[in-house]
């Protein structure tokens, strides 16, 4: 997908800014942080983001789930059988790309099992797929969206990737929330 005809450039400028600020000031944050009001499935999401990070997949959760755990949306908003959230992935040479492009019925990434949900809903949208993702005893449904990148981006580009999504894709009128993972040792 190329929102507004643009591709993500894989930059890490926000990550670098965050790193410099945290090193010199020790308490600076770039994105507004919040303490989750609700903890439903946080372990699942955290583990999925870490798995993607280790594979060099630049990704971010946006939409219903981050707003839900921030306390902005109530449980009723998540009872829709279609999807709990959007998981944006950059198009690169990662292990997740080929199965998503082929809309594979089933595949596994790390400890996560992906089960394709609906062929009809996104039949004409190559970069969108609905999947049930299972980990341990939890299964959640997600809308996975592939975003074109000019270069392969690294997990250090997560903050820039979210900003790109917010500016070019997300159009909500309320406060936007996203969940990302950045490498610990940088």
Protein backbone atom coordinates (compact mmCIF):
# COMPACT_ATOMS: atom_id res chain seq x y z
CA UNK A 1 0.00 0.00 0.00
CA UNK A 2 1.14 3.51 -0.79
CA UNK A 3 -1.01 5.93 1.21
CA UNK A 4 -1.41 9.18 -0.68
CA UNK A 5 1.11 7.74 -3.16
CA UNK A 6 3.90 7.82 -0.56
CA UNK A 7 6.22 5.06 0.62
CA UNK A 8 7.79 4.86 4.07
CA UNK A 9 11.49 5.72 3.79
CA UNK A 10 12.68 3.53 6.65
CA UNK A 11 14.14 6.51 8.49
CA UNK A 12 15.06 6.38 12.17
CA UNK A 13 15.21 10.10 12.91
CA UNK A 14 12.56 10.03 15.66
CA UNK A 15 14.24 7.01 17.23
CA UNK A 16 17.59 8.79 17.13
CA UNK A 17 16.05 11.95 18.60
CA UNK A 18 14.46 9.89 21.37
CA UNK A 19 17.76 8.13 22.09
CA UNK A 20 19.72 11.38 22.25
CA UNK A 21 17.14 13.02 24.52
CA UNK A 22 16.97 10.04 26.86
CA UNK A 23 20.78 9.86 27.02
CA UNK A 24 21.29 13.55 27.74
CA UNK A 25 18.21 14.39 29.80
CA UNK A 26 17.29 10.91 31.10
CA UNK A 27 13.57 11.57 31.44
CA UNK A 28 12.47 12.79 28.01
CA UNK A 29 9.89 10.91 25.99
CA UNK A 30 9.03 11.49 22.35
CA UNK A 31 5.59 9.95 22.15
CA UNK A 32 3.06 10.50 24.89
CA UNK A 33 3.16 7.49 27.19
CA UNK A 34 0.18 6.22 29.11
CA UNK A 35 -0.31 3.63 31.80
CA UNK A 36 -2.73 1.06 30.42
CA UNK A 37 -6.13 1.22 32.06
CA UNK A 38 -6.87 -2.31 30.90
CA UNK A 39 -4.44 -5.17 30.57
CA UNK A 40 -6.38 -7.59 28.37
CA UNK A 41 -3.98 -9.37 26.01
CA UNK A 42 -1.03 -7.05 26.69
CA UNK A 43 1.28 -10.07 27.05
CA UNK A 44 0.11 -11.35 23.66
CA UNK A 45 0.67 -8.01 21.91
CA UNK A 46 4.01 -7.41 23.61
CA UNK A 47 5.24 -10.89 22.62
CA UNK A 48 4.09 -10.44 19.01
CA UNK A 49 5.85 -7.08 18.73
CA UNK A 50 9.03 -8.54 20.23
CA UNK A 51 8.93 -11.45 17.77
CA UNK A 52 8.55 -9.00 14.88
CA UNK A 53 11.32 -6.80 16.27
CA UNK A 54 13.72 -9.76 16.45
CA UNK A 55 12.90 -10.61 12.82
CA UNK A 56 13.61 -7.04 11.69
CA UNK A 57 9.97 -6.38 10.86
CA UNK A 58 8.94 -2.78 11.34
CA UNK A 59 5.35 -2.86 12.60
CA UNK A 60 2.83 -1.11 14.82
CA UNK A 61 -0.60 -1.72 16.34
CA UNK A 62 -3.11 1.07 15.88
CA UNK A 63 -6.85 1.49 16.07
CA UNK A 64 -9.22 -0.19 18.48
CA UNK A 65 -6.91 -2.19 20.71
CA UNK A 66 -4.45 0.56 21.73
CA UNK A 67 -7.37 2.93 22.36
CA UNK A 68 -9.09 0.21 24.39
CA UNK A 69 -6.17 -0.45 26.72
CA UNK A 70 -5.69 3.32 27.12
CA UNK A 71 -9.24 3.48 28.48
CA UNK A 72 -10.66 5.50 25.58
CA UNK A 73 -12.97 2.76 24.30
CA UNK A 74 -15.06 0.35 26.34
CA UNK A 75 -15.22 -3.43 25.96
CA UNK A 76 -18.25 -3.24 23.64
CA UNK A 77 -16.05 -1.80 20.90
CA UNK A 78 -13.95 -4.96 20.86
CA UNK A 79 -16.83 -7.42 20.60
CA UNK A 80 -17.01 -6.96 16.85
CA UNK A 81 -16.23 -10.37 15.39
CA UNK A 82 -14.16 -8.86 12.61
CA UNK A 83 -11.02 -7.36 14.04
CA UNK A 84 -9.52 -6.21 17.30
CA UNK A 85 -6.95 -3.88 15.79
CA UNK A 86 -4.80 -2.97 12.83
CA UNK A 87 -1.30 -4.39 12.62
CA UNK A 88 0.74 -2.47 10.07
CA UNK A 89 3.84 -4.16 8.64
CA UNK A 90 6.42 -2.72 6.32
CA UNK A 91 6.86 -4.53 3.02
CA UNK A 92 10.35 -5.92 3.13
CA UNK A 93 12.07 -9.25 2.85
CA UNK A 94 10.86 -10.49 6.24
CA UNK A 95 9.51 -13.94 7.04
CA UNK A 96 5.98 -12.56 7.24
CA UNK A 97 5.85 -10.90 3.82
CA UNK A 98 5.43 -13.84 1.44
CA UNK A 99 2.63 -15.58 3.38
CA UNK A 100 0.76 -12.27 3.65
CA UNK A 101 1.16 -11.44 -0.04
CA UNK A 102 -0.07 -14.93 -0.95
CA UNK A 103 -2.83 -14.65 1.71
CA UNK A 104 -1.76 -18.06 2.96
CA UNK A 105 -4.42 -20.03 4.82
CA UNK A 106 -2.05 -20.88 7.68
CA UNK A 107 1.50 -20.07 8.61
CA UNK A 108 3.65 -19.71 11.71
CA UNK A 109 6.02 -16.94 12.76
CA UNK A 110 7.97 -17.83 15.89
CA UNK A 111 5.42 -19.08 18.41
CA UNK A 112 2.50 -17.39 16.65
CA UNK A 113 0.04 -19.24 14.42
CA UNK A 114 -1.72 -17.22 11.72
CA UNK A 115 -5.08 -18.43 10.38
CA UNK A 116 -6.62 -16.59 7.42
CA UNK A 117 -10.12 -15.31 8.21
CA UNK A 118 -11.85 -13.96 5.14
CA UNK A 119 -11.05 -14.20 1.47
CA UNK A 120 -14.05 -12.17 0.29
CA UNK A 121 -13.64 -9.10 2.50
CA UNK A 122 -10.29 -8.05 1.04
CA UNK A 123 -10.26 -9.96 -2.22
CA UNK A 124 -9.48 -6.83 -4.25
CA UNK A 125 -7.07 -5.32 -1.71
CA UNK A 126 -3.72 -7.06 -2.01
CA UNK A 127 -2.17 -5.29 1.00
CA UNK A 128 -4.99 -6.08 3.47
CA UNK A 129 -5.61 -9.42 5.17
CA UNK A 130 -7.73 -10.51 8.11
CA UNK A 131 -6.07 -13.13 10.33
CA UNK A 132 -6.71 -14.88 13.62
CA UNK A 133 -3.38 -14.95 15.43
CA UNK A 134 -2.90 -17.51 18.19
CA UNK A 135 -0.30 -17.59 20.93
CA UNK A 136 -0.41 -19.84 23.98
CA UNK A 137 -4.14 -20.04 24.82
CA UNK A 138 -5.14 -16.71 23.27
CA UNK A 139 -6.49 -16.10 19.76
CA UNK A 140 -7.10 -12.56 18.54
CA UNK A 141 -8.26 -11.28 15.16
CA UNK A 142 -6.33 -8.57 13.39
CA UNK A 143 -6.44 -6.67 10.15
CA UNK A 144 -2.90 -6.88 8.79
CA UNK A 145 -1.87 -4.09 6.43
CA UNK A 146 1.32 -4.04 4.37
CA UNK A 147 2.89 -0.64 3.71
CA UNK A 148 5.38 -0.05 0.88
CA UNK A 149 8.84 1.04 1.93
CA UNK A 150 11.61 2.60 -0.11
CA UNK A 151 14.19 0.53 1.80
CA UNK A 152 14.06 -2.27 4.36
CA UNK A 153 13.40 -0.62 7.68
CA UNK A 154 14.67 -1.84 11.01
CA UNK A 155 12.90 -2.00 14.38
CA UNK A 156 14.66 1.29 15.20
CA UNK A 157 12.30 2.91 12.69
CA UNK A 158 9.13 1.97 14.63
CA UNK A 159 8.52 5.51 15.89
CA UNK A 160 8.88 6.94 12.38
CA UNK A 161 6.67 4.17 11.02
CA UNK A 162 3.87 5.10 13.45
CA UNK A 163 4.22 8.77 12.56
CA UNK A 164 3.98 7.85 8.85
CA UNK A 165 0.82 5.82 9.51
CA UNK A 166 -0.76 8.59 11.57
CA UNK A 167 -0.05 11.27 8.96
CA UNK A 168 -0.99 9.26 5.89
CA UNK A 169 -3.50 6.57 6.90
CA UNK A 170 -5.19 7.07 10.26
CA UNK A 171 -7.97 9.65 10.01
CA UNK A 172 -9.64 9.44 13.43
CA UNK A 173 -10.75 12.68 15.01
CA UNK A 174 -9.92 11.54 18.55
CA UNK A 175 -6.53 11.07 20.20
CA UNK A 176 -4.55 8.38 18.41
CA UNK A 177 -2.79 5.57 20.19
CA UNK A 178 -0.32 3.01 18.90
CA UNK A 179 1.78 0.26 20.40
CA UNK A 180 5.31 -0.29 19.15
CA UNK A 181 8.40 -2.08 20.33
CA UNK A 182 11.93 -0.76 20.04
CA UNK A 183 15.15 -2.65 20.61
CA UNK A 184 16.42 -2.65 24.18
CA UNK A 185 20.13 -2.56 23.45
CA UNK A 186 20.85 0.46 21.28
